[in-house]
Amino acid sequence: MTTRQGKRIADVAKTYDHAKKYHFSEAFDLMQKAASKKFDETVDLAINLGIDPKKSDQMVRGSCVYPHGLGKKVVVLAIVPPDKVEEATKAGADFVGGDDMIEKIQNESWVGYDKLLTTPAMMGKVGKLGKILGRRGLMPNPKVGTVTNDIAEAVKMAKAGKVEFKVNKAGVLCVPIGKVSFGSQKLQENAEELFRSLVKLKPSTAKGAFIKKISLSSTMGPGVKIDENDLLEKV
């Protein structure tokens, strides 16, 4: 971060109440003032959940497809059996293969893709790549649709910007919702879609408010609190 960027962010941070919860459009306007003028920053939501992440039955993990995508090209690798190669290729996967792709990952620690999709039949072999894929968040999981026999649909969803999310050890979800250039309306619609998926995942054992705090920020900017009701009322 340059000195100029740091000063701009610091100046913007002085213009709003850090304890106040803003409507989405107001929070976006504040965030945009601190955003870089040199590149299109990603916009993230940090969501504090009313769960105990230490309890396995309160783990929150899922996925959703935004109406306006994420604003970036998603590179997809499909590791499939021979009879699924043509299906994955026609659906638009960037890399398609089977044992050859597994060997490439094993031998080269290759992670030149954003999503790895596979089928249940191949998962036994792919699972052995855990040390390489796990630390990059690339390990396929049936709970988020990256292990499936409908590989064509999985590829299409991934290319459309399907977002996977998982609560961290502090009970917080950090999820991208698009780019600053999207503008307030499109970002809010993406955020609303995220919340539609999220509220369905509330653990039955979680007590009290499920959505406790929400903060909006860009890659280089400060966080601005959002009124959760501004998003939840449309879910």
C-alpha atoms as a PDB file:
ATOM      1  CA  MET A   1       0.000   0.000   0.000  1.00  0.00           C
ATOM      2  CA  THR A   2       1.429   3.374  -0.997  1.00  0.00           C
ATOM      3  CA  THR A   3       1.598   6.356   1.344  1.00  0.00           C
ATOM      4  CA  ARG A   4      -1.025   8.107  -0.785  1.00  0.00           C
ATOM      5  CA  GLN A   5      -3.373   5.122  -0.581  1.00  0.00           C
ATOM      6  CA  GLY A   6      -2.814   4.851   3.147  1.00  0.00           C
ATOM      7  CA  LYS A   7      -3.640   8.529   3.672  1.00  0.00           C
ATOM      8  CA  ARG A   8      -6.797   8.245   1.547  1.00  0.00           C
ATOM      9  CA  ILE A   9      -8.016   5.248   3.543  1.00  0.00           C
ATOM     10  CA  ALA A  10      -7.189   6.958   6.833  1.00  0.00           C
ATOM     11  CA  ASP A  11      -9.030  10.106   5.736  1.00  0.00           C
ATOM     12  CA  VAL A  12     -12.114   8.129   4.712  1.00  0.00           C
ATOM     13  CA  ALA A  13     -12.068   6.214   7.998  1.00  0.00           C
ATOM     14  CA  LYS A  14     -12.411   9.532   9.818  1.00  0.00           C
ATOM     15  CA  THR A  15     -15.606  10.432   7.939  1.00  0.00           C
ATOM     16  CA  TYR A  16     -17.909   7.744   9.302  1.00  0.00           C
ATOM     17  CA  ASP A  17     -19.060   6.348  12.633  1.00  0.00           C
ATOM     18  CA  HIS A  18     -17.318   3.008  13.186  1.00  0.00           C
ATOM     19  CA  ALA A  19     -20.014   1.922  15.643  1.00  0.00           C
ATOM     20  CA  LYS A  20     -22.926   2.711  13.310  1.00  0.00           C
ATOM     21  CA  LYS A  21     -24.594   0.185  11.029  1.00  0.00           C
ATOM     22  CA  TYR A  22     -25.178   1.690   7.595  1.00  0.00           C
ATOM     23  CA  HIS A  23     -27.568   0.803   4.799  1.00  0.00           C
ATOM     24  CA  PHE A  24     -25.802  -1.105   2.040  1.00  0.00           C
ATOM     25  CA  SER A  25     -25.749   1.813  -0.426  1.00  0.00           C
ATOM     26  CA  GLU A  26     -24.304   4.169   2.202  1.00  0.00           C
ATOM     27  CA  ALA A  27     -21.634   1.626   3.170  1.00  0.00           C
ATOM     28  CA  PHE A  28     -20.723   1.146  -0.487  1.00  0.00           C
ATOM     29  CA  ASP A  29     -20.310   4.912  -1.021  1.00  0.00           C
ATOM     30  CA  LEU A  30     -17.943   5.109   1.957  1.00  0.00           C
ATOM     31  CA  MET A  31     -16.015   2.043   0.825  1.00  0.00           C
ATOM     32  CA  GLN A  32     -15.703   3.358  -2.735  1.00  0.00           C
ATOM     33  CA  LYS A  33     -14.003   6.548  -1.558  1.00  0.00           C
ATOM     34  CA  ALA A  34     -11.141   4.472  -0.146  1.00  0.00           C
ATOM     35  CA  ALA A  35     -10.884   2.089  -3.100  1.00  0.00           C
ATOM     36  CA  SER A  36      -7.824   2.138  -5.348  1.00  0.00           C
ATOM     37  CA  LYS A  37      -8.020   4.042  -8.619  1.00  0.00           C
ATOM     38  CA  LYS A  38      -5.393   1.780 -10.212  1.00  0.00           C
ATOM     39  CA  PHE A  39      -7.272  -1.513 -10.258  1.00  0.00           C
ATOM     40  CA  ASP A  40     -10.791  -2.857  -9.772  1.00  0.00           C
ATOM     41  CA  GLU A  41     -10.804  -4.064  -6.185  1.00  0.00           C
ATOM     42  CA  THR A  42     -12.767  -7.069  -4.977  1.00  0.00           C
ATOM     43  CA  VAL A  43     -15.568  -6.345  -2.515  1.00  0.00           C
ATOM     44  CA  ASP A  44     -15.912  -8.669   0.477  1.00  0.00           C
ATOM     45  CA  LEU A  45     -18.431  -9.282   3.219  1.00  0.00           C
ATOM     46  CA  ALA A  46     -17.253 -10.395   6.662  1.00  0.00           C
ATOM     47  CA  ILE A  47     -20.189 -12.009   8.462  1.00  0.00           C
ATOM     48  CA  ASN A  48     -20.081 -12.860  12.171  1.00  0.00           C
ATOM     49  CA  LEU A  49     -22.378 -15.809  12.854  1.00  0.00           C
ATOM     50  CA  GLY A  50     -24.103 -16.707  16.084  1.00  0.00           C
ATOM     51  CA  ILE A  51     -22.660 -20.213  16.227  1.00  0.00           C
ATOM     52  CA  ASP A  52     -20.034 -22.159  18.144  1.00  0.00           C
ATOM     53  CA  PRO A  53     -17.506 -23.167  15.456  1.00  0.00           C
ATOM     54  CA  LYS A  54     -15.954 -25.678  17.865  1.00  0.00           C
ATOM     55  CA  LYS A  55     -19.077 -27.829  17.588  1.00  0.00           C
ATOM     56  CA  SER A  56     -19.160 -30.037  14.504  1.00  0.00           C
ATOM     57  CA  ASP A  57     -22.957 -29.782  14.238  1.00  0.00           C
ATOM     58  CA  GLN A  58     -22.665 -25.999  13.913  1.00  0.00           C
ATOM     59  CA  MET A  59     -20.269 -25.953  10.973  1.00  0.00           C
ATOM     60  CA  VAL A  60     -21.615 -23.687   8.222  1.00  0.00           C
ATOM     61  CA  ARG A  61     -20.489 -24.479   4.705  1.00  0.00           C
ATOM     62  CA  GLY A  62     -22.204 -23.952   1.365  1.00  0.00           C
ATOM     63  CA  SER A  63     -22.215 -22.274  -2.016  1.00  0.00           C
ATOM     64  CA  CYS A  64     -24.261 -19.981  -4.234  1.00  0.00           C
ATOM     65  CA  VAL A  65     -24.297 -18.511  -7.737  1.00  0.00           C
ATOM     66  CA  TYR A  66     -24.590 -14.734  -7.898  1.00  0.00           C
ATOM     67  CA  PRO A  67     -26.936 -13.073 -10.389  1.00  0.00           C
ATOM     68  CA  HIS A  68     -24.089 -10.793 -11.512  1.00  0.00           C
ATOM     69  CA  GLY A  69     -21.158 -13.196 -11.120  1.00  0.00           C
ATOM     70  CA  LEU A  70     -17.850 -12.258  -9.521  1.00  0.00           C
ATOM     71  CA  GLY A  71     -16.361 -10.196 -12.311  1.00  0.00           C
ATOM     72  CA  LYS A  72     -13.473 -12.518 -13.063  1.00  0.00           C
ATOM     73  CA  LYS A  73     -12.664 -15.497 -15.261  1.00  0.00           C
ATOM     74  CA  VAL A  74     -12.810 -18.792 -13.377  1.00  0.00           C
ATOM     75  CA  VAL A  75     -10.342 -21.470 -14.515  1.00  0.00           C
ATOM     76  CA  VAL A  76     -11.843 -24.934 -14.087  1.00  0.00           C
ATOM     77  CA  LEU A  77     -10.093 -28.307 -13.922  1.00  0.00           C
ATOM     78  CA  ALA A  78     -12.280 -31.406 -14.282  1.00  0.00           C
ATOM     79  CA  ILE A  79     -10.790 -34.727 -13.218  1.00  0.00           C
ATOM     80  CA  VAL A  80     -13.159 -37.322 -14.613  1.00  0.00           C
ATOM     81  CA  PRO A  81     -13.319 -40.896 -15.934  1.00  0.00           C
ATOM     82  CA  PRO A  82     -12.943 -41.394 -19.713  1.00  0.00           C
ATOM     83  CA  ASP A  83     -16.695 -41.463 -20.352  1.00  0.00           C
ATOM     84  CA  LYS A  84     -17.074 -37.952 -18.847  1.00  0.00           C
ATOM     85  CA  VAL A  85     -14.222 -36.226 -20.722  1.00  0.00           C
ATOM     86  CA  GLU A  86     -16.323 -35.079 -23.658  1.00  0.00           C
ATOM     87  CA  GLU A  87     -19.111 -33.865 -21.341  1.00  0.00           C
ATOM     88  CA  ALA A  88     -16.707 -31.752 -19.278  1.00  0.00           C
ATOM     89  CA  THR A  89     -14.981 -30.378 -22.363  1.00  0.00           C
ATOM     90  CA  LYS A  90     -18.227 -29.343 -24.079  1.00  0.00           C
ATOM     91  CA  ALA A  91     -19.422 -27.681 -20.855  1.00  0.00           C
ATOM     92  CA  GLY A  92     -16.385 -25.381 -20.952  1.00  0.00           C
ATOM     93  CA  ALA A  93     -13.822 -26.820 -18.519  1.00  0.00           C
ATOM     94  CA  ASP A  94     -10.379 -25.304 -19.139  1.00  0.00           C
ATOM     95  CA  PHE A  95      -8.485 -28.498 -18.279  1.00  0.00           C
ATOM     96  CA  VAL A  96      -9.929 -32.011 -18.500  1.00  0.00           C
ATOM     97  CA  GLY A  97      -8.340 -35.356 -17.723  1.00  0.00           C
ATOM     98  CA  GLY A  98      -8.101 -38.269 -15.362  1.00  0.00           C
ATOM     99  CA  ASP A  99      -5.026 -40.054 -14.061  1.00  0.00           C
ATOM    100  CA  ASP A 100      -2.810 -37.765 -16.160  1.00  0.00           C
ATOM    101  CA  MET A 101      -4.068 -34.701 -14.289  1.00  0.00           C
ATOM    102  CA  ILE A 102      -3.675 -36.427 -10.945  1.00  0.00           C
ATOM    103  CA  GLU A 103      -0.058 -37.267 -11.791  1.00  0.00           C
ATOM    104  CA  LYS A 104       0.586 -33.672 -12.871  1.00  0.00           C
ATOM    105  CA  ILE A 105      -0.667 -32.385  -9.520  1.00  0.00           C
ATOM    106  CA  GLN A 106       1.327 -35.006  -7.604  1.00  0.00           C
ATOM    107  CA  ASN A 107       4.572 -34.455  -9.493  1.00  0.00           C
ATOM    108  CA  GLU A 108       4.442 -30.693  -9.997  1.00  0.00           C
ATOM    109  CA  SER A 109       2.184 -29.540  -7.124  1.00  0.00           C
ATOM    110  CA  TRP A 110       0.197 -27.926  -9.930  1.00  0.00           C
ATOM    111  CA  VAL A 111      -2.536 -25.504  -8.811  1.00  0.00           C
ATOM    112  CA  GLY A 112      -3.054 -23.415 -11.948  1.00  0.00           C
ATOM    113  CA  TYR A 113      -6.872 -23.363 -11.675  1.00  0.00           C
ATOM    114  CA  ASP A 114      -9.564 -21.824  -9.478  1.00  0.00           C
ATOM    115  CA  LYS A 115     -11.934 -24.794  -9.190  1.00  0.00           C
ATOM    116  CA  LEU A 116     -11.352 -28.529  -9.256  1.00  0.00           C
ATOM    117  CA  LEU A 117     -14.370 -30.672 -10.100  1.00  0.00           C
ATOM    118  CA  THR A 118     -14.570 -34.443 -10.048  1.00  0.00           C
ATOM    119  CA  THR A 119     -16.956 -37.381  -9.855  1.00  0.00           C
ATOM    120  CA  PRO A 120     -17.586 -39.792  -6.979  1.00  0.00           C
ATOM    121  CA  ALA A 121     -15.806 -42.522  -8.957  1.00  0.00           C
ATOM    122  CA  MET A 122     -12.594 -40.449  -9.092  1.00  0.00           C
ATOM    123  CA  MET A 123     -12.720 -39.036  -5.582  1.00  0.00           C
ATOM    124  CA  GLY A 124     -10.738 -41.938  -4.101  1.00  0.00           C
ATOM    125  CA  LYS A 125      -7.741 -40.943  -6.223  1.00  0.00           C
ATOM    126  CA  VAL A 126      -8.267 -37.193  -5.918  1.00  0.00           C
ATOM    127  CA  GLY A 127      -8.540 -37.513  -2.141  1.00  0.00           C
ATOM    128  CA  LYS A 128      -4.880 -38.556  -2.004  1.00  0.00           C
ATOM    129  CA  LEU A 129      -3.941 -35.052  -3.200  1.00  0.00           C
ATOM    130  CA  GLY A 130      -5.138 -33.525   0.060  1.00  0.00           C
ATOM    131  CA  LYS A 131      -1.786 -32.066   1.098  1.00  0.00           C
ATOM    132  CA  ILE A 132      -1.513 -30.119  -2.139  1.00  0.00           C
ATOM    133  CA  LEU A 133      -5.149 -29.177  -2.691  1.00  0.00           C
ATOM    134  CA  GLY A 134      -6.212 -28.675   0.907  1.00  0.00           C
ATOM    135  CA  ARG A 135      -3.939 -25.754   1.722  1.00  0.00           C
ATOM    136  CA  ARG A 136      -5.171 -23.929  -1.407  1.00  0.00           C
ATOM    137  CA  GLY A 137      -8.844 -24.584  -0.718  1.00  0.00           C
ATOM    138  CA  LEU A 138      -9.133 -26.641  -3.909  1.00  0.00           C
ATOM    139  CA  MET A 139     -10.197 -30.015  -2.519  1.00  0.00           C
ATOM    140  CA  PRO A 140     -13.549 -31.048  -4.058  1.00  0.00           C
ATOM    141  CA  ASN A 141     -16.446 -31.615  -1.663  1.00  0.00           C
ATOM    142  CA  PRO A 142     -19.905 -33.054  -2.399  1.00  0.00           C
ATOM    143  CA  LYS A 143     -21.487 -30.585   0.050  1.00  0.00           C
ATOM    144  CA  VAL A 144     -20.689 -27.695  -2.292  1.00  0.00           C
ATOM    145  CA  GLY A 145     -21.318 -29.566  -5.538  1.00  0.00           C
ATOM    146  CA  THR A 146     -17.729 -30.054  -6.668  1.00  0.00           C
ATOM    147  CA  VAL A 147     -18.022 -33.850  -6.446  1.00  0.00           C
ATOM    148  CA  THR A 148     -20.887 -34.868  -8.714  1.00  0.00           C
ATOM    149  CA  ASN A 149     -21.878 -37.093 -11.604  1.00  0.00           C
ATOM    150  CA  ASP A 150     -23.534 -34.128 -13.326  1.00  0.00           C
ATOM    151  CA  ILE A 151     -20.176 -32.733 -14.331  1.00  0.00           C
ATOM    152  CA  ALA A 152     -21.586 -30.539 -17.123  1.00  0.00           C
ATOM    153  CA  GLU A 153     -23.810 -28.623 -14.708  1.00  0.00           C
ATOM    154  CA  ALA A 154     -20.959 -28.307 -12.195  1.00  0.00           C
ATOM    155  CA  VAL A 155     -18.670 -26.837 -14.857  1.00  0.00           C
ATOM    156  CA  LYS A 156     -21.333 -24.357 -15.989  1.00  0.00           C
ATOM    157  CA  MET A 157     -21.986 -23.229 -12.410  1.00  0.00           C
ATOM    158  CA  ALA A 158     -18.269 -22.839 -11.707  1.00  0.00           C
ATOM    159  CA  LYS A 159     -17.726 -20.798 -14.869  1.00  0.00           C
ATOM    160  CA  ALA A 160     -20.701 -18.629 -13.928  1.00  0.00           C
ATOM    161  CA  GLY A 161     -18.906 -17.655 -10.714  1.00  0.00           C
ATOM    162  CA  LYS A 162     -20.279 -20.106  -8.167  1.00  0.00           C
ATOM    163  CA  VAL A 163     -18.927 -19.077  -4.764  1.00  0.00           C
ATOM    164  CA  GLU A 164     -18.091 -21.513  -1.982  1.00  0.00           C
ATOM    165  CA  PHE A 165     -17.950 -20.400   1.630  1.00  0.00           C
ATOM    166  CA  LYS A 166     -17.010 -21.927   4.965  1.00  0.00           C
ATOM    167  CA  VAL A 167     -17.039 -20.445   8.449  1.00  0.00           C
ATOM    168  CA  ASN A 168     -13.606 -20.045  10.062  1.00  0.00           C
ATOM    169  CA  LYS A 169     -12.520 -20.945  13.590  1.00  0.00           C
ATOM    170  CA  ALA A 170     -13.700 -17.561  14.880  1.00  0.00           C
ATOM    171  CA  GLY A 171     -17.233 -18.081  13.564  1.00  0.00           C
ATOM    172  CA  VAL A 172     -16.773 -15.621  10.699  1.00  0.00           C
ATOM    173  CA  LEU A 173     -17.472 -15.984   6.986  1.00  0.00           C
ATOM    174  CA  CYS A 174     -15.352 -13.911   4.603  1.00  0.00           C
ATOM    175  CA  VAL A 175     -16.969 -13.996   1.168  1.00  0.00           C
ATOM    176  CA  PRO A 176     -16.332 -11.985  -2.040  1.00  0.00           C
ATOM    177  CA  ILE A 177     -19.462 -10.517  -3.655  1.00  0.00           C
ATOM    178  CA  GLY A 178     -18.014  -8.858  -6.768  1.00  0.00           C
ATOM    179  CA  LYS A 179     -15.958  -5.865  -7.882  1.00  0.00           C
ATOM    180  CA  VAL A 180     -16.126  -2.180  -6.950  1.00  0.00           C
ATOM    181  CA  SER A 181     -17.020  -1.413 -10.576  1.00  0.00           C
ATOM    182  CA  PHE A 182     -20.275  -3.377 -10.214  1.00  0.00           C
ATOM    183  CA  GLY A 183     -21.834  -0.487  -8.314  1.00  0.00           C
ATOM    184  CA  SER A 184     -24.018  -0.564  -5.229  1.00  0.00           C
ATOM    185  CA  GLN A 185     -27.139  -2.152  -6.744  1.00  0.00           C
ATOM    186  CA  LYS A 186     -25.478  -5.199  -8.322  1.00  0.00           C
ATOM    187  CA  LEU A 187     -23.320  -5.816  -5.264  1.00  0.00           C
ATOM    188  CA  GLN A 188     -26.360  -5.661  -3.004  1.00  0.00           C
ATOM    189  CA  GLU A 189     -28.233  -8.128  -5.215  1.00  0.00           C
ATOM    190  CA  ASN A 190     -25.255 -10.495  -5.056  1.00  0.00           C
ATOM    191  CA  ALA A 191     -25.162 -10.073  -1.266  1.00  0.00           C
ATOM    192  CA  GLU A 192     -28.875 -10.838  -1.006  1.00  0.00           C
ATOM    193  CA  GLU A 193     -28.364 -14.063  -2.969  1.00  0.00           C
ATOM    194  CA  LEU A 194     -25.568 -15.025  -0.589  1.00  0.00           C
ATOM    195  CA  PHE A 195     -27.876 -14.466   2.378  1.00  0.00           C
ATOM    196  CA  ARG A 196     -30.642 -16.546   0.806  1.00  0.00           C
ATOM    197  CA  SER A 197     -28.220 -19.451   0.709  1.00  0.00           C
ATOM    198  CA  LEU A 198     -26.792 -18.709   4.122  1.00  0.00           C
ATOM    199  CA  VAL A 199     -30.025 -18.545   6.148  1.00  0.00           C
ATOM    200  CA  LYS A 200     -30.965 -22.013   4.887  1.00  0.00           C
ATOM    201  CA  LEU A 201     -27.815 -23.354   6.516  1.00  0.00           C
ATOM    202  CA  LYS A 202     -28.544 -22.162  10.071  1.00  0.00           C
ATOM    203  CA  PRO A 203     -27.750 -25.106  12.372  1.00  0.00           C
ATOM    204  CA  SER A 204     -30.758 -26.310  14.369  1.00  0.00           C
ATOM    205  CA  THR A 205     -28.603 -26.252  17.501  1.00  0.00           C
ATOM    206  CA  ALA A 206     -27.567 -22.599  17.104  1.00  0.00           C
ATOM    207  CA  LYS A 207     -29.265 -20.287  19.581  1.00  0.00           C
ATOM    208  CA  GLY A 208     -30.117 -16.595  19.278  1.00  0.00           C
ATOM    209  CA  ALA A 209     -29.414 -14.398  16.270  1.00  0.00           C
ATOM    210  CA  PHE A 210     -27.734 -16.263  13.417  1.00  0.00           C
ATOM    211  CA  ILE A 211     -26.409 -13.138  11.656  1.00  0.00           C
ATOM    212  CA  LYS A 212     -24.727 -10.982  14.298  1.00  0.00           C
ATOM    213  CA  LYS A 213     -22.517  -8.512  12.437  1.00  0.00           C
ATOM    214  CA  ILE A 214     -21.731  -7.673   8.806  1.00  0.00           C
ATOM    215  CA  SER A 215     -18.850  -5.612   7.477  1.00  0.00           C
ATOM    216  CA  LEU A 216     -18.320  -4.462   3.889  1.00  0.00           C
ATOM    217  CA  SER A 217     -14.830  -3.738   2.562  1.00  0.00           C
ATOM    218  CA  SER A 218     -12.762  -3.588  -0.602  1.00  0.00           C
ATOM    219  CA  THR A 219      -9.373  -5.279  -1.010  1.00  0.00           C
ATOM    220  CA  MET A 220      -7.411  -2.240   0.171  1.00  0.00           C
ATOM    221  CA  GLY A 221     -10.077  -0.416   2.172  1.00  0.00           C
ATOM    222  CA  PRO A 222     -11.413  -0.248   5.727  1.00  0.00           C
ATOM    223  CA  GLY A 223     -14.470  -2.192   6.841  1.00  0.00           C
ATOM    224  CA  VAL A 224     -17.847  -0.468   7.133  1.00  0.00           C
ATOM    225  CA  LYS A 225     -20.609  -2.034   9.217  1.00  0.00           C
ATOM    226  CA  ILE A 226     -23.876  -2.867   7.477  1.00  0.00           C
ATOM    227  CA  ASP A 227     -27.352  -3.097   8.972  1.00  0.00           C
ATOM    228  CA  GLU A 228     -28.080  -6.819   8.616  1.00  0.00           C
ATOM    229  CA  ASN A 229     -31.816  -6.112   8.242  1.00  0.00           C
ATOM    230  CA  ASP A 230     -31.035  -4.214   5.037  1.00  0.00           C
ATOM    231  CA  LEU A 231     -30.113  -7.568   3.471  1.00  0.00           C
ATOM    232  CA  LEU A 232     -32.251 -10.001   5.444  1.00  0.00           C
ATOM    233  CA  GLU A 233     -35.539  -8.235   4.716  1.00  0.00           C
ATOM    234  CA  LYS A 234     -35.284  -9.319   1.063  1.00  0.00           C
ATOM    235  CA  VAL A 235     -34.384 -12.917   1.820  1.00  0.00           C
END
